[in-house]
Protein backbone atom coordinates (compact mmCIF):
# COMPACT_ATOMS: atom_id res chain seq x y z
CA MET A 1 -0.06 -0.05 0.01
CA SER A 2 1.64 3.02 -0.82
CA ALA A 3 1.56 6.29 1.36
CA VAL A 4 -0.44 9.35 0.51
CA LEU A 5 0.63 12.36 1.23
CA GLN A 6 -1.66 14.96 2.91
CA PRO A 7 -2.13 18.21 1.00
CA GLY A 8 0.38 21.00 2.07
CA THR A 9 3.05 18.47 3.24
CA VAL A 10 6.28 18.02 1.61
CA ASN A 11 8.05 14.82 1.75
CA VAL A 12 11.70 15.80 2.80
CA PRO A 13 14.64 13.50 3.23
CA VAL A 14 16.52 13.78 6.66
CA GLU A 15 20.24 13.74 6.09
CA ARG A 16 22.51 12.61 9.11
CA SER A 17 25.31 15.07 9.51
CA GLU A 18 29.02 13.46 9.58
CA GLY A 19 30.33 12.50 12.74
CA VAL A 20 33.66 13.96 13.84
CA TRP A 21 35.70 10.80 13.96
CA HIS A 22 34.60 10.11 10.59
CA ALA A 23 35.25 13.41 8.91
CA ALA A 24 38.53 13.32 10.74
CA TRP A 25 39.25 9.92 9.38
CA ARG A 26 38.10 11.24 5.49
CA ARG A 27 40.55 14.28 5.64
CA PHE A 28 43.17 11.94 6.86
CA LYS A 29 43.09 9.97 4.06
CA MET A 30 43.66 12.79 1.66
CA ASP A 31 47.17 13.91 3.53
CA ARG A 32 49.57 11.41 1.52
CA VAL A 33 52.43 12.71 4.03
CA GLY A 34 50.37 11.62 7.18
CA LEU A 35 49.30 8.33 5.32
CA VAL A 36 52.90 7.53 4.41
CA SER A 37 54.24 8.18 7.68
CA SER A 38 51.65 6.30 9.74
CA VAL A 39 52.59 3.58 7.35
CA ILE A 40 55.87 3.83 8.69
CA VAL A 41 54.84 4.21 12.33
CA ILE A 42 52.83 1.00 11.98
CA ALA A 43 55.85 -0.84 10.62
CA PHE A 44 58.04 0.06 13.62
CA LEU A 45 55.02 -0.70 16.25
CA LEU A 46 54.68 -4.20 14.47
CA LEU A 47 58.97 -4.48 14.44
CA ILE A 48 58.62 -3.90 18.30
CA ALA A 49 55.61 -6.50 18.29
CA VAL A 50 57.56 -9.46 16.85
CA ALA A 51 60.84 -8.22 18.69
CA ALA A 52 58.65 -8.35 21.82
CA LEU A 53 57.42 -11.96 21.05
CA GLY A 54 61.37 -13.11 20.72
CA LEU A 55 61.10 -13.72 16.71
CA VAL A 56 63.57 -11.19 15.85
CA ALA A 57 66.79 -9.85 17.87
CA LYS A 58 66.02 -12.79 20.39
CA ASN A 59 69.88 -13.14 20.53
CA TRP A 60 71.37 -9.73 20.41
CA GLN A 61 73.57 -10.47 23.21
CA LYS A 62 75.25 -12.95 21.59
CA GLU A 63 78.94 -12.53 20.09
CA VAL A 64 78.25 -13.22 16.61
CA GLY A 65 80.98 -11.83 14.67
CA VAL A 66 84.60 -10.50 15.50
CA PRO A 67 85.07 -7.65 17.33
CA ASN A 68 83.96 -4.27 15.96
CA ALA A 69 83.14 -6.15 12.56
CA PRO A 70 82.13 -3.69 9.65
CA PRO A 71 78.97 -3.59 7.84
CA THR A 72 78.83 -5.93 4.69
CA PHE A 73 78.87 -3.02 2.47
CA VAL A 74 81.98 -1.68 3.58
CA GLY A 75 83.82 -5.56 3.80
CA PRO A 76 86.20 -7.22 6.00
CA GLN A 77 88.83 -5.17 7.46
CA PRO A 78 92.62 -6.79 8.06
CA PRO A 79 92.78 -8.50 11.48
CA GLU A 80 95.13 -5.76 13.22
CA ALA A 81 92.36 -3.14 12.37
CA ILE A 82 89.37 -5.50 14.60
CA GLY A 83 91.72 -6.91 17.15
CA ALA A 84 92.88 -6.05 20.59
CA ILE A 85 93.98 -2.81 21.61
CA GLU A 86 97.52 -1.98 22.18
CA VAL A 87 97.38 0.32 25.26
CA PRO A 88 100.54 2.68 25.19
CA LYS A 89 102.44 2.03 28.58
CA GLY A 90 105.21 4.52 30.11
CA PRO A 91 105.62 6.77 33.09
CA ASN A 92 104.25 9.79 32.09
CA VAL A 93 101.35 8.12 29.74
CA ASP A 94 97.86 8.90 31.33
CA LEU A 95 95.10 7.78 28.88
CA SER A 96 92.47 8.43 31.48
CA ALA A 97 93.31 12.31 30.91
CA ILE A 98 91.89 11.82 27.11
CA ASP A 99 89.67 8.68 27.45
CA PRO A 100 87.60 7.81 30.51
CA LEU A 101 87.12 4.64 29.14
CA ALA A 102 90.88 3.64 29.43
CA PRO A 103 90.80 1.52 32.70
CA ARG A 104 88.50 -0.97 30.83
CA TYR A 105 91.11 -1.81 28.17
CA LYS A 106 92.77 -4.35 29.50
CA GLU A 107 88.95 -5.90 30.14
CA TRP A 108 88.34 -5.61 26.54
CA ASP A 109 91.84 -7.29 25.37
CA GLU A 110 90.80 -10.39 27.33
CA ARG A 111 87.76 -10.48 25.77
CA ALA A 112 89.31 -9.72 22.26
CA ALA A 113 91.77 -12.52 22.83
CA LYS A 114 88.89 -15.22 23.57
CA PHE A 115 87.82 -15.12 20.03
CA LYS A 116 91.29 -15.84 18.98
CA THR A 117 91.23 -19.42 20.99
CA GLU A 118 86.99 -20.28 20.35
CA GLU A 119 86.74 -22.56 17.69
CA VAL A 120 83.41 -21.13 16.79
CA VAL A 121 84.17 -18.94 13.51
CA LYS A 122 82.99 -15.60 14.15
CA ALA A 123 81.71 -13.16 11.24
CA GLU A 124 84.04 -10.80 9.85
CA THR A 125 81.52 -8.56 8.82
CA LEU A 126 77.71 -8.19 9.16
CA PRO A 127 74.98 -6.29 7.67
CA MET A 128 75.26 -3.44 10.10
CA GLY A 129 78.41 -4.21 11.72
CA ALA A 130 79.28 -5.67 15.04
CA ASP A 131 80.15 -3.58 18.46
CA ARG A 132 83.28 -3.92 20.47
CA PHE A 133 82.14 -7.63 21.89
CA GLY A 134 81.62 -8.76 17.98
CA ARG A 135 77.48 -8.19 18.79
CA ASP A 136 75.23 -7.41 16.22
CA VAL A 137 73.95 -3.86 15.58
CA LEU A 138 71.29 -4.49 13.45
CA SER A 139 70.05 -6.95 16.21
CA LYS A 140 70.88 -4.25 18.99
CA ALA A 141 69.20 -1.50 16.98
CA VAL A 142 66.18 -3.65 16.58
CA LYS A 143 65.70 -4.17 20.33
CA GLY A 144 66.65 -1.10 21.21
CA THR A 145 64.08 0.39 19.19
CA GLN A 146 61.56 -2.26 21.01
CA ILE A 147 62.73 -0.33 24.63
CA SER A 148 63.17 3.34 23.63
CA VAL A 149 59.53 3.56 21.61
CA PHE A 150 58.11 1.80 24.42
CA VAL A 151 59.39 4.30 27.35
CA GLY A 152 58.40 7.24 24.72
CA VAL A 153 55.12 6.10 23.99
CA MET A 154 53.99 4.54 27.46
CA ALA A 155 55.60 7.60 29.44
CA ALA A 156 53.69 10.18 26.96
CA LEU A 157 50.49 8.42 27.75
CA VAL A 158 50.83 8.31 31.02
CA ALA A 159 51.78 11.95 30.87
CA THR A 160 48.92 12.83 28.58
CA LEU A 161 46.06 11.10 30.58
CA ILE A 162 47.32 12.84 33.97
CA GLY A 163 47.61 16.28 31.99
CA THR A 164 44.30 15.88 30.01
CA LEU A 165 42.30 14.91 33.25
CA LEU A 166 43.72 17.49 35.59
CA GLY A 167 43.42 20.01 32.94
CA ALA A 168 40.05 19.34 32.16
CA LEU A 169 38.88 19.36 35.69
CA SER A 170 40.61 22.37 36.48
CA GLY A 171 39.54 24.31 33.49
CA PHE A 172 35.93 23.11 33.34
CA PHE A 173 34.89 23.71 36.90
CA GLY A 174 37.37 26.32 38.33
CA GLY A 175 36.96 27.63 41.78
CA LYS A 176 38.61 25.55 44.49
CA VAL A 177 39.37 22.52 42.58
CA GLY A 178 40.98 25.16 39.80
CA ASP A 179 43.18 26.77 42.41
CA PHE A 180 44.32 23.60 44.22
CA LEU A 181 45.22 21.73 40.82
CA GLU A 182 47.18 25.10 39.85
CA TRP A 183 48.89 24.96 43.15
CA LEU A 184 50.05 21.56 42.22
CA TYR A 185 50.99 22.69 38.84
CA ASN A 186 53.17 25.29 40.22
CA VAL A 187 54.87 23.05 42.76
CA PHE A 188 55.92 20.92 39.75
CA GLU A 189 56.91 23.70 37.49
CA ALA A 190 59.15 25.45 40.56
CA ILE A 191 61.28 22.45 40.28
CA PRO A 192 63.71 22.10 37.12
CA GLY A 193 62.64 19.07 35.33
CA ILE A 194 66.04 17.63 34.74
CA LEU A 195 66.36 17.58 38.64
CA LEU A 196 63.22 16.14 39.43
CA ILE A 197 63.95 13.33 36.87
CA PHE A 198 67.00 12.51 38.46
CA ALA A 199 66.01 12.67 41.84
CA PHE A 200 62.98 10.20 40.87
CA ALA A 201 65.53 7.99 39.34
CA ALA A 202 67.94 8.24 42.37
CA VAL A 203 64.97 6.66 44.52
CA PHE A 204 62.90 4.30 42.18
CA GLY A 205 66.24 2.86 40.49
CA ARG A 206 66.82 1.44 37.14
CA GLY A 207 64.63 -0.61 35.05
CA ILE A 208 61.60 0.31 32.10
CA THR A 209 59.07 0.57 33.94
CA THR A 210 60.67 2.87 36.59
CA VAL A 211 61.75 5.36 33.73
CA VAL A 212 57.80 5.16 32.26
CA LEU A 213 56.62 6.13 35.36
CA ILE A 214 59.40 8.55 36.22
CA LEU A 215 58.77 10.30 32.38
CA GLY A 216 55.13 10.32 33.04
CA LEU A 217 54.99 11.96 36.44
CA THR A 218 57.05 14.45 35.90
CA GLY A 219 55.88 15.80 32.34
CA TRP A 220 52.74 15.89 32.72
CA SER A 221 52.73 19.62 33.28
CA GLY A 222 52.54 21.18 29.86
CA MET A 223 49.74 19.06 28.52
CA TYR A 224 47.98 20.10 31.81
CA ARG A 225 48.46 24.03 31.38
CA GLN A 226 47.60 23.85 27.49
CA VAL A 227 44.14 21.49 27.99
CA ARG A 228 42.90 23.72 31.29
CA SER A 229 43.27 26.84 28.66
CA GLU A 230 41.08 25.21 26.07
CA PHE A 231 38.76 24.21 28.39
CA ILE A 232 38.32 27.50 29.91
CA LYS A 233 37.96 28.74 25.99
CA HIS A 234 35.35 26.01 25.27
CA ARG A 235 33.15 25.89 28.20
CA GLY A 236 31.25 28.96 27.92
CA ARG A 237 30.51 28.36 24.04
CA GLU A 238 27.39 27.53 22.75
CA TYR A 239 27.53 23.78 21.69
CA VAL A 240 28.37 23.39 25.35
CA ARG A 241 25.70 25.69 26.34
CA SER A 242 23.39 23.50 24.30
CA ALA A 243 24.35 20.34 25.40
CA GLU A 244 23.76 21.37 28.87
CA ALA A 245 20.15 22.83 28.09
CA ILE A 246 19.07 19.45 26.63
CA GLY A 247 20.43 17.70 29.81
CA ALA A 248 23.71 16.20 29.25
CA SER A 249 25.88 15.55 32.53
CA VAL A 250 28.96 17.18 33.52
CA TRP A 251 31.19 14.10 32.11
CA SER A 252 29.41 14.19 28.94
CA ARG A 253 29.98 17.69 28.25
CA ILE A 254 33.62 17.52 29.18
CA PHE A 255 34.09 14.09 27.47
CA VAL A 256 32.14 14.07 24.66
CA HIS A 257 31.49 17.60 23.89
CA ILE A 258 34.57 19.29 24.72
CA LEU A 259 37.48 17.23 24.50
CA PRO A 260 37.02 15.76 20.58
CA ASN A 261 37.01 19.38 19.62
CA MET A 262 40.42 19.69 21.15
CA SER A 263 41.88 16.63 20.49
CA HIS A 264 44.20 18.07 18.04
CA VAL A 265 45.87 20.01 20.24
CA VAL A 266 46.05 16.90 22.70
CA LEU A 267 47.76 14.97 19.95
CA VAL A 268 50.14 17.44 19.13
CA ARG A 269 51.45 17.88 22.54
CA MET A 270 51.64 14.08 23.07
CA SER A 271 53.92 13.85 19.66
CA LEU A 272 56.15 16.18 21.39
CA LEU A 273 55.98 14.36 24.60
CA VAL A 274 57.04 11.39 22.61
CA VAL A 275 60.30 12.95 21.31
CA GLY A 276 61.07 14.81 24.34
CA PHE A 277 60.92 11.19 26.48
CA ILE A 278 62.64 9.50 24.18
CA LYS A 279 65.56 12.00 24.10
CA ALA A 280 65.21 11.75 27.98
CA GLU A 281 65.35 8.20 28.15
CA VAL A 282 68.78 8.65 26.10
CA ILE A 283 70.12 10.96 28.40
CA LEU A 284 69.29 8.73 31.49
CA SER A 285 70.58 5.62 30.01
CA TYR A 286 73.59 7.61 28.95
CA LEU A 287 74.26 8.71 32.52
CA GLY A 288 73.38 4.90 33.83
CA LEU A 289 70.30 5.80 35.63
CA GLY A 290 67.90 4.51 32.38
CA VAL A 291 67.42 0.84 31.49
CA GLY A 292 68.93 -1.90 33.02
CA VAL A 293 71.95 -3.41 32.31
CA ASP A 294 70.58 -6.60 30.88
CA ASP A 295 68.81 -4.58 28.44
CA VAL A 296 69.60 -2.29 25.12
CA SER A 297 67.91 1.20 24.29
CA TRP A 298 69.08 3.87 21.43
CA GLY A 299 70.60 5.48 24.80
CA THR A 300 73.01 2.73 25.65
CA MET A 301 73.81 2.21 22.15
CA LEU A 302 75.19 5.70 21.77
CA ALA A 303 76.78 6.11 25.11
CA GLU A 304 78.81 2.63 23.80
CA ALA A 305 79.14 4.21 20.23
CA GLN A 306 81.32 7.23 21.94
CA SER A 307 84.04 5.01 22.74
CA GLU A 308 84.09 3.41 19.43
CA LEU A 309 83.89 6.48 17.49
CA ILE A 310 87.14 7.31 18.86
CA LEU A 311 88.65 4.22 17.18
CA GLY A 312 86.88 5.24 14.14
CA HIS A 313 83.97 2.59 14.39
CA TRP A 314 81.05 4.85 13.46
CA TRP A 315 78.27 1.92 12.62
CA GLN A 316 76.64 1.81 15.63
CA LEU A 317 76.40 5.27 16.16
CA ALA A 318 75.08 5.55 12.79
CA ALA A 319 72.49 2.74 13.19
CA ALA A 320 71.21 4.07 16.32
CA THR A 321 70.96 7.66 14.97
CA ALA A 322 69.11 6.04 11.88
CA PHE A 323 66.57 4.12 13.51
CA MET A 324 65.74 7.17 15.94
CA ALA A 325 65.62 9.83 13.19
CA VAL A 326 63.29 7.60 10.93
CA PHE A 327 60.43 6.93 13.74
CA VAL A 328 60.96 10.73 15.22
CA THR A 329 60.13 12.07 12.05
CA ALA A 330 57.72 9.71 11.07
CA PHE A 331 55.67 9.88 14.04
CA SER A 332 56.00 13.77 14.11
CA LEU A 333 54.46 14.23 10.69
CA MET A 334 51.81 11.22 11.38
CA THR A 335 50.77 13.41 14.22
CA ASP A 336 50.70 16.87 12.50
CA ALA A 337 48.18 15.08 9.80
CA LEU A 338 46.12 14.02 12.40
CA ARG A 339 46.05 17.25 14.29
CA ASP A 340 44.70 19.02 10.92
CA ALA A 341 42.24 16.39 10.42
CA LEU A 342 40.76 16.80 13.82
CA ASP A 343 41.01 20.90 14.20
CA PRO A 344 37.34 22.14 14.05
CA LYS A 345 39.28 25.53 12.30
CA LEU A 346 39.53 23.51 9.11
CA ARG A 347 35.99 21.94 8.90
CA GLY A 348 34.55 25.05 7.88
CA LEU A 349 37.08 25.35 4.80
CA GLU A 350 36.05 22.23 3.08
């Protein structure tokens, strides 16, 4: 039975408006740089996953090559170029004045001599070379990526969660809640960040989980300040008042209405935190306050590469730097694309 229209009525099709997240995804797919960067980031995350499962870089501590074996494209070096180090001797020679690692040369010479007596043949070259002990630099870089990226991303998520929650409460409610949170923010800001990190590291010791907590608990203040200012700006706008008029709860107004409209700000700040926390992990590991001695990260690789670079062995430094640069650049470009896709100011330009 067909419907009969009454005189004076018009059958107008109802169009459902496009959701915030659906529109953001549509705009993000149009950004080729953002898509390529996201593919690179996903590839790194998959590499981290398979490394965590032990499918790759499982034996990164195993000495598979001769000490300081060069990369494959360089080719094998003469034995005297990769053998034990001959330390100059004499009453007036003080190597510690120019090289702080000189006292450990004797230990390294003994380890290098071990290769001459073992029956197992060590590789003279490896895809990205070997370190002083003959460990594969490529395996170390993959395992270091797992730890460094995990530390940077997880610490950034902790800091983002704390900063966003406290900033939202302070900016939306204000009053005594805002005053208390402002006091807490000022306490953290009054202490230099690097000193606060060192203090927490000295108390809690070394370890991956400890580094994540240290960086997350000390790095939330910038996120808090920016989220608070955005909530103060948005809480009085018409769309928030309209949501209040139709009976939306406080938490719905905070997390369903305001937060999606400022999510681009959170993403940009979080990308900066990831990069900053990776650098902080490098510094902490370099100073001996980061990951444990049985783990490897980009920071420990750079610390080891310092002494190797003096001898002209640059491949461990190059491997750690290349992995770090590619991931950090791709992650930054991806979050920039996500920011543009989520920015409400750009929606009206379509």
